[in-house]
Amino acid sequence: MPPQRVGALPRQQSLLLPAVINPFVQDTKLSNAAIIKCVLLGIFLVPLRAIFITLVLMVLWPVSVIVTFKLPLKGAVEPSTGWRRFLCQRVMAALGRAYFFSMGFRVVVKGKQASSHDAPILAVAPHSTFFDGIVCVVAGLPSTVSRVENLATPIFGRFLQSLQPVLVSRTDPDSRKNTINEINNRAKSGGQWPQVLIFPEGTCTNRSCLITFKQGAFIPGVPVQPVLLRYPNKLDTVTWTWQGFKSKTLLLLTLCQLYTTVEIEFLPPHIPTEEEKKSPALFASRVRETMAKALGVPVTDHTYEDCRLMISAGELTLPMEAGLVEFTKISRKLNLKWDNIRKELDGFATMASTCKGGRITIEEFASFLKLPVSPVLEDLFRLFDRNGDGTIDFREYVIGVNILCRPSNTEDVLKMAFQLFDTDEDEKVTHDEFTALLCSALGVSDVDMTKLFEAIDADGSGFITFNEFQEFAATHPEYAKLFTTYLELQRYQAIQEANPGDLELAGQPSSGEEPEESTSDKKDD
């Protein structure tokens, strides 16, 4: 009788691949006609616009210097008042509009901006380009959240300082806490401080979806006004995200356009319920849903951590998109931290080093495990392959390892597996014992297991101790399901010998019964 699949686990729809595959790629394709048009227009437009931009900056910089005269470089003790506030909100805002007009931007404003009393915080999305600063100009130069390093930027650093931004420092371990406290203080100042404008996504996307909102704008529990950004242009020359055109290329392409349209829509303020005040995550989620519905785009659980994983994937010579796992969903369901997933990426890269496209086939899977392709190994592979396409991507690997394998690698399971290998009970496993049992478990014969044996036998003693076996299992969790599958087979055979025909194989439904989900892979949304 051929080996039957043991412990078959149902696929879980909530952990299948995301509908939006990659929100961090800019895939604008320039046709020959578009290139020719850019060149012809650029010959005239770029020099003229460069002159106008320079003239605006020549006026903007001294006004910024006057506004920030004798103000502390980092951090604002109290809000600007009187002539400083007038120069900032009137004169500099007008110069800001002239700056973007010089670059060819045509601004369409919809809705009405709420006052700082009615909505102390403006949440702007989607964030997709460095041109998004235009919303700050249209909103009357509210305060923004910015990295402290940006203050050192020539001209624009002084302009940023005049906005009295909430500063974030990468080097200060208390920066996140201080930033939240500062946002909270300004939001609850009763209108003394200008509105705080925040891009809650925290990174640039391609506007195809709204990724997870960070909670900073929602922790104060005050009304938030959602602000939508759209760039309804035939040719996308503005999207600046993790993969695609560089900033200089996008700037040049934009300057070569006759005009670039940007729509800014102010939605009605979202007044939080008591429940939302107690849960910033819920508040952020509901504001995001409102904005996504108005934009007509989906939401995903991607975050900035996905971008970090993309960079790590690239460093490991994997396609950058291999690192996209919808970090929020994975970490919430599997209780994983970023460092854990980054370590899993190293293991996946080792396995995927021989294949192209960042996906693993059954052959690469078997080669990595130093085992032959067999029915049992194919069953294990299918458990990882959650969408059934015959390959495993990094997301499926993370889910498979943490749902199928890690819970099975307990010390009791490893001791039982080691005892099965140790047939003569001398507390060490020889090459022959190891080969005989593993071949039996895989349902194959006459296979050379020398490479795998040597990988476990760390000290090269010619036999495997329990400590070596345990250490190898901890660093190679993919083997755990093989061990537990073999234990289940042994247990089933023992029961069948005692009560032949009375019990069905674990994981196989009786006639007329529906299969039950395994609790090891059942995670509610």
Protein backbone atom coordinates (compact mmCIF):
# COMPACT_ATOMS: atom_id res chain seq x y z
CA MET A 1 0.00 0.00 0.00
CA PRO A 2 1.51 3.38 -1.01
CA PRO A 3 2.30 5.86 1.77
CA GLN A 4 -0.64 8.03 2.69
CA ARG A 5 -0.46 11.67 3.57
CA VAL A 6 -0.40 12.18 7.33
CA GLY A 7 -1.71 15.23 9.17
CA ALA A 8 -2.97 16.94 6.05
CA LEU A 9 -3.48 20.62 6.79
CA PRO A 10 -6.04 22.80 5.03
CA ARG A 11 -4.96 25.88 3.16
CA GLN A 12 -5.87 29.07 4.92
CA GLN A 13 -7.39 31.74 2.72
CA SER A 14 -6.46 34.59 5.07
CA LEU A 15 -2.75 33.87 4.65
CA LEU A 16 -2.69 33.49 0.87
CA LEU A 17 -0.70 35.92 -1.23
CA PRO A 18 -1.88 39.53 -1.02
CA ALA A 19 -4.09 40.88 -3.80
CA VAL A 20 -1.71 43.83 -4.21
CA ILE A 21 1.61 42.18 -4.95
CA ASN A 22 4.02 45.10 -4.77
CA PRO A 23 3.06 48.64 -3.70
CA PHE A 24 6.72 49.69 -3.70
CA VAL A 25 7.51 49.59 -7.41
CA GLN A 26 7.26 52.35 -10.02
CA ASP A 27 6.64 50.67 -13.38
CA THR A 28 6.14 53.61 -15.75
CA LYS A 29 7.10 52.62 -19.28
CA LEU A 30 8.25 55.42 -21.59
CA SER A 31 7.26 54.89 -25.21
CA ASN A 32 9.38 56.33 -28.01
CA ALA A 33 6.69 58.96 -28.61
CA ALA A 34 6.74 59.97 -24.93
CA ILE A 35 10.53 60.26 -24.95
CA ILE A 36 10.49 62.43 -28.08
CA LYS A 37 7.77 64.64 -26.58
CA CYS A 38 9.76 65.05 -23.36
CA VAL A 39 12.89 66.02 -25.27
CA LEU A 40 11.14 68.58 -27.48
CA LEU A 41 9.24 70.17 -24.59
CA GLY A 42 12.19 69.93 -22.26
CA ILE A 43 14.42 72.00 -24.54
CA PHE A 44 12.19 75.01 -23.87
CA LEU A 45 10.51 74.25 -20.54
CA VAL A 46 13.42 73.04 -18.39
CA PRO A 47 15.60 76.21 -18.74
CA LEU A 48 12.63 78.53 -18.21
CA ARG A 49 11.39 76.60 -15.19
CA ALA A 50 14.88 76.43 -13.73
CA ILE A 51 15.08 80.23 -13.92
CA PHE A 52 11.68 80.74 -12.27
CA ILE A 53 12.44 78.19 -9.55
CA THR A 54 15.74 79.94 -8.80
CA LEU A 55 14.02 83.32 -8.55
CA VAL A 56 11.40 81.95 -6.14
CA LEU A 57 14.07 80.34 -3.96
CA MET A 58 16.06 83.59 -3.92
CA VAL A 59 13.05 85.26 -2.27
CA LEU A 60 11.99 82.28 -0.16
CA TRP A 61 15.34 81.80 1.55
CA PRO A 62 15.70 85.30 3.07
CA VAL A 63 12.05 85.22 4.20
CA SER A 64 12.79 81.86 5.90
CA VAL A 65 15.84 83.38 7.57
CA ILE A 66 13.75 86.27 8.90
CA VAL A 67 11.02 83.94 10.19
CA THR A 68 13.54 81.72 12.01
CA PHE A 69 15.72 84.58 13.32
CA LYS A 70 16.84 83.79 16.89
CA LEU A 71 14.66 80.67 17.03
CA PRO A 72 16.27 77.45 18.36
CA LEU A 73 17.61 75.26 15.56
CA LYS A 74 16.15 72.04 16.95
CA GLY A 75 12.77 71.88 18.58
CA ALA A 76 10.24 74.62 19.17
CA VAL A 77 9.55 75.77 22.70
CA GLU A 78 6.36 77.67 21.84
CA PRO A 79 4.33 78.33 18.68
CA SER A 80 5.17 81.26 16.44
CA THR A 81 2.89 84.27 16.78
CA GLY A 82 2.48 87.75 15.37
CA TRP A 83 4.59 88.72 12.38
CA ARG A 84 6.41 85.37 12.29
CA ARG A 85 3.16 83.48 11.91
CA PHE A 86 1.91 85.97 9.30
CA LEU A 87 5.09 85.62 7.22
CA CYS A 88 4.95 81.85 7.45
CA GLN A 89 1.26 81.24 6.75
CA ARG A 90 0.77 84.01 4.20
CA VAL A 91 4.00 85.08 2.50
CA MET A 92 5.85 81.74 2.55
CA ALA A 93 2.69 79.84 1.59
CA ALA A 94 2.31 82.13 -1.45
CA LEU A 95 5.96 81.61 -2.38
CA GLY A 96 5.44 77.86 -1.99
CA ARG A 97 2.57 77.97 -4.46
CA ALA A 98 4.74 79.98 -6.86
CA TYR A 99 7.50 77.37 -6.48
CA PHE A 100 5.24 74.47 -7.51
CA PHE A 101 3.62 76.60 -10.24
CA SER A 102 7.12 77.19 -11.63
CA MET A 103 7.57 73.44 -11.82
CA GLY A 104 4.40 73.11 -13.90
CA PHE A 105 1.97 71.86 -11.25
CA ARG A 106 -1.74 72.53 -11.69
CA VAL A 107 -3.47 72.15 -8.32
CA VAL A 108 -7.13 71.15 -7.98
CA VAL A 109 -8.52 71.45 -4.43
CA LYS A 110 -11.70 69.65 -3.38
CA GLY A 111 -13.51 69.84 -0.06
CA LYS A 112 -12.81 72.30 2.74
CA GLN A 113 -9.93 72.30 5.17
CA ALA A 114 -11.02 72.19 8.80
CA SER A 115 -9.61 74.61 11.36
CA SER A 116 -7.04 73.56 13.95
CA HIS A 117 -9.84 73.61 16.55
CA ASP A 118 -12.01 71.18 14.57
CA ALA A 119 -9.19 68.91 13.40
CA PRO A 120 -5.76 69.42 14.98
CA ILE A 121 -4.21 66.72 12.76
CA LEU A 122 -4.20 66.29 8.98
CA ALA A 123 -3.59 62.70 7.81
CA VAL A 124 -2.44 62.69 4.17
CA ALA A 125 -2.38 59.61 1.93
CA PRO A 126 -1.30 58.02 -0.29
CA HIS A 127 2.28 59.21 0.12
CA SER A 128 4.06 58.49 -3.16
CA THR A 129 6.58 61.20 -4.00
CA PHE A 130 8.75 64.07 -2.80
CA PHE A 131 6.31 66.34 -4.65
CA ASP A 132 3.71 65.56 -1.96
CA GLY A 133 5.03 68.59 -0.10
CA ILE A 134 2.59 70.55 -2.23
CA VAL A 135 -0.22 69.57 0.16
CA CYS A 136 1.66 71.32 2.95
CA VAL A 137 1.68 74.54 0.91
CA VAL A 138 -2.02 74.28 0.04
CA ALA A 139 -2.89 73.60 3.72
CA GLY A 140 -1.23 76.88 4.79
CA LEU A 141 2.09 75.43 5.99
CA PRO A 142 1.06 73.41 9.04
CA SER A 143 3.73 71.74 11.15
CA THR A 144 5.09 68.47 9.84
CA VAL A 145 6.92 65.46 11.25
CA SER A 146 10.43 65.36 9.82
CA ARG A 147 13.84 63.82 10.42
CA VAL A 148 16.22 66.13 12.26
CA GLU A 149 18.81 65.56 9.50
CA ASN A 150 16.60 67.43 7.03
CA LEU A 151 17.33 70.70 8.83
CA ALA A 152 20.85 70.57 7.39
CA THR A 153 19.58 70.64 3.78
CA PRO A 154 20.59 73.87 2.04
CA ILE A 155 17.72 76.39 1.65
CA PHE A 156 15.00 73.78 2.28
CA GLY A 157 16.36 73.13 5.76
CA ARG A 158 15.73 76.75 6.71
CA PHE A 159 12.29 76.59 5.10
CA LEU A 160 11.52 73.45 7.12
CA GLN A 161 12.68 75.08 10.34
CA SER A 162 10.22 77.93 9.80
CA LEU A 163 7.37 75.37 9.95
CA GLN A 164 8.39 74.43 13.51
CA PRO A 165 8.35 70.69 12.69
CA VAL A 166 8.10 67.78 15.07
CA LEU A 167 11.59 66.35 14.75
CA VAL A 168 12.50 62.67 14.72
CA SER A 169 16.05 61.50 15.43
CA ARG A 170 17.48 58.14 14.39
CA THR A 171 20.23 58.34 16.99
CA ASP A 172 18.06 59.18 20.01
CA PRO A 173 16.60 56.02 21.60
CA ASP A 174 13.82 58.14 23.16
CA SER A 175 12.95 59.82 19.86
CA ARG A 176 9.75 57.85 19.20
CA LYS A 177 8.38 58.54 22.68
CA ASN A 178 9.33 62.23 22.47
CA THR A 179 7.74 62.54 19.02
CA ILE A 180 4.44 61.05 20.23
CA ASN A 181 4.45 63.34 23.27
CA GLU A 182 5.09 66.40 21.10
CA ILE A 183 2.31 65.49 18.65
CA ASN A 184 -0.01 64.90 21.59
CA ASN A 185 0.83 68.27 23.20
CA ARG A 186 0.31 70.19 19.96
CA ALA A 187 -2.90 68.37 19.08
CA LYS A 188 -4.39 69.23 22.47
CA SER A 189 -3.20 72.85 22.61
CA GLY A 190 -6.64 74.23 21.75
CA GLY A 191 -5.51 75.84 18.50
CA GLN A 192 -2.39 77.56 19.86
CA TRP A 193 -0.19 75.42 17.65
CA PRO A 194 -0.81 75.12 13.89
CA GLN A 195 -2.27 71.84 12.62
CA VAL A 196 0.13 68.91 12.43
CA LEU A 197 0.35 67.31 8.97
CA ILE A 198 1.35 63.63 8.94
CA PHE A 199 1.80 61.02 6.21
CA PRO A 200 0.66 58.01 8.28
CA GLU A 201 1.94 55.39 5.81
CA GLY A 202 5.49 56.36 6.78
CA THR A 203 6.99 55.58 3.35
CA CYS A 204 6.30 56.13 -0.34
CA THR A 205 4.17 53.70 -2.37
CA ASN A 206 2.89 53.62 -5.95
CA ARG A 207 -0.65 54.70 -4.90
CA SER A 208 -2.14 51.33 -5.91
CA CYS A 209 -3.26 50.72 -2.30
CA LEU A 210 -3.05 52.11 1.20
CA ILE A 211 -0.53 50.30 3.37
CA THR A 212 -0.72 50.05 7.16
CA PHE A 213 -1.00 53.42 8.89
CA LYS A 214 1.41 54.17 11.71
CA GLN A 215 -0.37 55.12 14.92
CA GLY A 216 1.38 58.41 15.76
CA ALA A 217 -1.36 60.62 14.31
CA PHE A 218 -4.07 58.70 16.16
CA ILE A 219 -2.61 58.30 19.65
CA PRO A 220 -3.82 61.75 20.88
CA GLY A 221 -7.41 60.65 20.22
CA VAL A 222 -8.40 64.00 18.68
CA PRO A 223 -10.35 64.58 15.44
CA VAL A 224 -8.28 63.87 12.34
CA GLN A 225 -9.04 65.26 8.90
CA PRO A 226 -8.20 62.80 6.08
CA VAL A 227 -6.58 64.43 3.05
CA LEU A 228 -6.37 62.56 -0.27
CA LEU A 229 -3.70 63.02 -2.92
CA ARG A 230 -4.21 62.09 -6.57
CA TYR A 231 -2.02 62.58 -9.65
CA PRO A 232 -4.47 61.94 -12.55
CA ASN A 233 -1.93 62.33 -15.36
CA LYS A 234 -1.63 60.21 -18.49
CA LEU A 235 2.10 59.73 -17.89
CA ASP A 236 3.21 59.10 -14.30
CA THR A 237 6.37 61.11 -13.74
CA VAL A 238 5.96 61.68 -10.00
CA THR A 239 5.90 58.27 -8.25
CA TRP A 240 9.10 57.88 -6.27
CA THR A 241 9.26 54.66 -4.32
CA TRP A 242 11.67 51.83 -3.57
CA GLN A 243 11.94 50.35 -7.06
CA GLY A 244 11.86 52.45 -10.21
CA PHE A 245 13.09 55.81 -11.42
CA LYS A 246 15.57 57.79 -9.34
CA SER A 247 14.63 61.19 -7.94
CA LYS A 248 16.69 63.16 -10.48
CA THR A 249 15.08 61.29 -13.38
CA LEU A 250 11.58 61.94 -12.06
CA LEU A 251 12.34 65.62 -11.48
CA LEU A 252 13.61 66.04 -15.04
CA LEU A 253 10.67 64.14 -16.54
CA THR A 254 8.21 66.26 -14.55
CA LEU A 255 9.83 69.51 -15.65
CA CYS A 256 9.50 68.32 -19.26
CA GLN A 257 5.69 68.03 -19.00
CA LEU A 258 3.47 70.84 -20.22
CA TYR A 259 1.76 70.62 -16.82
CA THR A 260 1.29 68.10 -14.02
CA THR A 261 -2.09 67.86 -12.31
CA VAL A 262 -2.42 67.12 -8.61
CA GLU A 263 -5.77 66.79 -6.84
CA ILE A 264 -5.98 67.48 -3.12
CA GLU A 265 -9.24 66.51 -1.43
CA PHE A 266 -10.13 67.38 2.16
CA LEU A 267 -12.59 64.83 3.56
CA PRO A 268 -14.80 65.62 6.57
CA PRO A 269 -12.92 65.28 9.88
CA HIS A 270 -13.09 61.87 11.53
CA ILE A 271 -14.19 62.34 15.12
CA PRO A 272 -13.03 59.32 17.14
CA THR A 273 -15.43 57.27 19.22
CA GLU A 274 -14.57 56.34 22.78
CA GLU A 275 -13.52 52.93 21.50
CA GLU A 276 -11.18 54.51 18.94
CA LYS A 277 -9.70 56.86 21.54
CA LYS A 278 -8.71 53.81 23.58
CA SER A 279 -7.31 51.97 20.53
CA PRO A 280 -5.10 54.04 18.18
CA ALA A 281 -4.74 50.99 15.93
CA LEU A 282 -8.52 50.80 15.48
CA PHE A 283 -8.72 54.58 14.93
CA ALA A 284 -5.98 54.39 12.26
CA SER A 285 -7.62 51.41 10.58
CA ARG A 286 -11.01 53.10 10.28
CA VAL A 287 -9.54 56.34 8.92
CA ARG A 288 -7.60 54.28 6.39
CA GLU A 289 -10.75 52.44 5.34
CA THR A 290 -12.54 55.75 4.80
CA MET A 291 -9.69 57.08 2.67
CA ALA A 292 -9.33 53.86 0.67
CA LYS A 293 -13.04 53.84 -0.11
CA ALA A 294 -12.90 57.45 -1.32
CA LEU A 295 -9.83 56.66 -3.44
CA GLY A 296 -11.25 53.40 -4.78
CA VAL A 297 -8.14 51.39 -3.85
CA PRO A 298 -7.62 48.34 -1.61
CA VAL A 299 -5.81 48.26 1.72
CA THR A 300 -2.94 45.92 2.53
CA ASP A 301 -0.92 45.01 5.59
CA HIS A 302 2.40 46.10 4.13
CA THR A 303 4.53 48.39 6.30
CA TYR A 304 7.94 50.05 6.28
CA GLU A 305 9.30 46.74 7.62
CA ASP A 306 8.40 45.18 4.25
CA CYS A 307 10.67 47.76 2.64
CA ARG A 308 13.48 46.76 4.98
CA LEU A 309 12.92 43.12 4.05
CA MET A 310 13.01 44.11 0.36
CA ILE A 311 16.42 45.72 0.87
CA SER A 312 17.64 42.64 2.77
CA ALA A 313 16.37 40.37 -0.03
CA GLY A 314 18.33 42.42 -2.55
CA GLU A 315 21.49 42.11 -0.43
CA LEU A 316 21.00 38.33 -0.46
CA THR A 317 20.80 38.40 -4.31
CA LEU A 318 17.08 37.63 -4.25
CA PRO A 319 14.57 39.72 -6.22
CA MET A 320 13.63 42.65 -3.98
CA GLU A 321 9.93 41.83 -4.14
CA ALA A 322 10.72 38.45 -2.53
CA GLY A 323 10.84 40.27 0.81
CA LEU A 324 7.24 41.47 0.64
CA VAL A 325 5.25 39.47 3.17
CA GLU A 326 2.59 41.93 4.40
CA PHE A 327 4.50 42.31 7.63
CA THR A 328 1.59 43.48 9.78
CA LYS A 329 -0.54 40.42 9.00
CA ILE A 330 2.32 37.92 9.35
CA SER A 331 3.62 39.38 12.61
CA ARG A 332 0.13 39.62 14.11
CA LYS A 333 -0.93 36.08 13.22
CA LEU A 334 2.36 34.35 13.97
CA ASN A 335 3.61 36.65 16.77
CA LEU A 336 6.86 37.32 14.91
CA LYS A 337 9.25 40.23 15.21
CA TRP A 338 11.13 41.80 12.31
CA ASP A 339 14.44 40.24 13.38
CA ASN A 340 12.86 36.76 13.35
CA ILE A 341 11.57 37.19 9.82
CA ARG A 342 14.93 38.61 8.72
CA LYS A 343 16.62 35.44 9.99
CA GLU A 344 14.09 33.34 8.08
CA LEU A 345 15.02 35.31 4.96
CA ASP A 346 18.63 34.15 5.34
CA GLY A 347 17.49 30.52 5.38
CA PHE A 348 15.21 31.07 2.41
CA ALA A 349 18.04 32.74 0.46
CA THR A 350 20.32 29.77 1.12
CA MET A 351 17.66 27.47 -0.28
CA ALA A 352 16.83 29.71 -3.23
CA SER A 353 20.43 30.43 -4.25
CA THR A 354 20.26 28.02 -7.20
CA CYS A 355 16.91 29.17 -8.58
CA LYS A 356 15.79 32.31 -10.35
CA GLY A 357 12.92 34.59 -9.41
CA GLY A 358 13.03 34.00 -5.66
CA ARG A 359 10.76 30.93 -5.74
CA ILE A 360 11.69 27.39 -4.71
CA THR A 361 10.64 24.24 -6.55
CA ILE A 362 10.41 20.74 -5.09
CA GLU A 363 13.83 19.94 -6.57
CA GLU A 364 15.53 22.89 -4.81
CA PHE A 365 13.65 22.07 -1.62
CA ALA A 366 14.90 18.48 -1.69
CA SER A 367 18.43 19.55 -2.59
CA PHE A 368 18.56 21.95 0.37
CA LEU A 369 17.36 19.21 2.74
CA LYS A 370 19.88 16.81 1.17
CA LEU A 371 17.06 14.33 0.60
CA PRO A 372 15.61 12.67 -2.48
CA VAL A 373 12.23 13.66 -3.91
CA SER A 374 9.73 11.20 -2.48
CA PRO A 375 5.97 11.07 -1.80
CA VAL A 376 6.49 12.09 1.82
CA LEU A 377 8.71 15.02 0.86
CA GLU A 378 6.19 16.06 -1.78
CA ASP A 379 3.49 16.09 0.91
CA LEU A 380 5.69 18.31 3.09
CA PHE A 381 6.33 20.60 0.14
CA ARG A 382 2.60 20.91 -0.53
CA LEU A 383 2.05 22.10 3.05
CA PHE A 384 4.46 24.97 2.39
CA ASP A 385 3.04 25.64 -1.09
CA ARG A 386 -0.12 27.35 0.14
CA ASN A 387 -1.42 28.56 -3.23
CA GLY A 388 -0.66 25.25 -4.96
CA ASP A 389 1.43 26.64 -7.84
CA GLY A 390 4.28 24.15 -7.40
CA THR A 391 6.70 26.66 -5.88
CA ILE A 392 7.34 28.28 -2.50
CA ASP A 393 7.90 32.01 -2.13
CA PHE A 394 9.34 33.66 0.97
CA ARG A 395 5.91 34.47 2.41
CA GLU A 396 4.80 30.84 2.16
CA TYR A 397 8.14 29.75 3.65
CA VAL A 398 7.75 32.02 6.70
CA ILE A 399 4.21 30.77 7.28
CA GLY A 400 5.18 27.13 6.76
CA VAL A 401 8.19 27.18 9.04
CA ASN A 402 6.38 28.92 11.87
CA ILE A 403 3.05 27.09 11.66
CA LEU A 404 4.14 23.61 10.58
CA CYS A 405 7.65 23.22 11.88
CA ARG A 406 8.63 25.28 14.87
CA PRO A 407 5.81 24.09 17.14
CA SER A 408 6.82 20.50 16.33
CA ASN A 409 10.47 20.93 17.28
CA THR A 410 9.85 20.48 21.00
CA GLU A 411 12.37 18.63 23.13
CA ASP A 412 9.95 15.72 23.69
CA VAL A 413 9.42 15.26 19.96
CA LEU A 414 13.15 15.42 19.26
CA LYS A 415 13.88 12.89 22.01
CA MET A 416 11.32 10.48 20.57
CA ALA A 417 12.70 10.95 17.06
CA PHE A 418 16.28 10.46 18.29
CA GLN A 419 15.28 7.29 20.15
CA LEU A 420 13.81 5.91 16.92
CA PHE A 421 17.10 6.56 15.13
CA ASP A 422 19.10 5.08 18.03
CA THR A 423 18.01 1.47 17.48
CA ASP A 424 20.66 -0.07 19.77
CA GLU A 425 19.95 2.49 22.54
CA ASP A 426 23.59 3.51 23.05
CA GLU A 427 22.67 7.24 22.99
CA LYS A 428 24.33 7.83 19.65
CA VAL A 429 23.20 7.31 16.08
CA THR A 430 25.51 5.71 13.54
CA HIS A 431 25.47 6.33 9.80
CA ASP A 432 23.72 3.00 9.15
CA GLU A 433 21.02 3.62 11.77
CA PHE A 434 20.40 7.10 10.43
CA THR A 435 20.19 5.99 6.81
CA ALA A 436 17.93 2.99 7.49
CA LEU A 437 15.32 4.93 9.43
CA LEU A 438 15.25 8.01 7.20
CA CYS A 439 14.92 5.88 4.07
CA SER A 440 12.04 4.08 5.76
CA ALA A 441 10.39 7.36 6.74
CA LEU A 442 10.68 8.71 3.19
CA GLY A 443 9.59 5.47 1.58
CA VAL A 444 12.80 5.14 -0.49
CA SER A 445 15.73 2.73 -0.55
CA ASP A 446 19.45 2.77 -1.40
CA VAL A 447 19.82 6.56 -1.08
CA ASP A 448 23.11 8.10 0.02
CA MET A 449 22.45 10.12 3.19
CA THR A 450 26.12 10.84 3.82
CA LYS A 451 25.94 14.62 3.22
CA LEU A 452 23.00 15.03 5.58
CA PHE A 453 24.63 12.82 8.21
CA GLU A 454 27.85 14.83 8.03
CA ALA A 455 25.90 18.08 8.34
CA ILE A 456 24.37 16.87 11.62
CA ASP A 457 27.58 15.28 12.89
CA ALA A 458 29.15 18.65 13.71
CA ASP A 459 32.31 17.31 15.38
CA GLY A 460 32.96 14.65 12.71
CA SER A 461 33.00 11.84 15.26
CA GLY A 462 31.21 9.40 12.98
CA PHE A 463 28.05 9.32 15.07
CA ILE A 464 25.32 11.76 16.09
CA THR A 465 24.66 12.66 19.72
CA PHE A 466 21.34 14.04 20.96
CA ASN A 467 22.87 17.50 21.45
CA GLU A 468 24.00 17.55 17.82
CA PHE A 469 20.62 16.28 16.70
CA GLN A 470 18.82 18.94 18.77
CA GLU A 471 21.06 21.78 17.58
CA PHE A 472 20.62 20.79 13.94
CA ALA A 473 16.84 20.62 14.33
CA ALA A 474 16.79 24.09 15.92
CA THR A 475 18.61 25.64 12.96
CA HIS A 476 16.84 23.53 10.31
CA PRO A 477 13.16 23.58 11.33
CA GLU A 478 12.09 22.15 7.96
CA TYR A 479 12.99 18.67 9.25
CA ALA A 480 10.57 18.87 12.16
CA LYS A 481 7.53 17.91 10.11
CA LEU A 482 9.42 14.93 8.69
CA PHE A 483 10.18 13.74 12.22
CA THR A 484 6.60 14.18 13.44
CA THR A 485 5.19 12.60 10.28
CA TYR A 486 7.31 9.51 10.89
CA LEU A 487 6.24 9.38 14.53
CA GLU A 488 2.58 9.57 13.45
CA LEU A 489 3.15 6.71 10.98
CA GLN A 490 4.78 4.60 13.69
CA ARG A 491 1.91 5.33 16.09
CA TYR A 492 -0.69 4.52 13.45
CA GLN A 493 0.99 1.23 12.55
CA ALA A 494 1.14 0.21 16.22
CA ILE A 495 -2.58 0.94 16.64
CA GLN A 496 -3.44 -0.92 13.45
CA GLU A 497 -1.52 -3.96 14.63
CA ALA A 498 -3.45 -3.90 17.90
CA ASN A 499 -6.88 -3.13 16.36
CA PRO A 500 -6.70 -3.79 12.63
CA GLY A 501 -9.32 -1.96 10.58
CA ASP A 502 -10.82 -0.08 13.53
CA LEU A 503 -9.20 3.34 13.06
CA GLU A 504 -8.66 5.66 10.15
CA LEU A 505 -5.27 7.20 9.44
CA ALA A 506 -4.75 10.54 11.15
CA GLY A 507 -5.78 13.36 8.87
CA GLN A 508 -7.86 11.08 6.58
CA PRO A 509 -11.66 11.47 6.87
CA SER A 510 -13.91 8.49 7.30
CA SER A 511 -16.45 7.75 4.64
CA GLY A 512 -19.09 10.48 4.46
CA GLU A 513 -17.27 12.76 6.95
CA GLU A 514 -15.79 16.15 6.28
CA PRO A 515 -12.10 16.60 7.09
CA GLU A 516 -11.43 18.71 10.17
CA GLU A 517 -8.91 21.50 10.24
CA SER A 518 -5.71 20.86 12.12
CA THR A 519 -5.40 23.16 15.10
CA SER A 520 -1.73 23.76 14.23
CA ASP A 521 -2.81 25.70 11.14
CA LYS A 522 -6.08 27.26 12.29
CA LYS A 523 -5.70 30.97 12.94
CA ASP A 524 -8.79 33.14 12.85
CA ASP A 525 -8.75 36.48 11.12
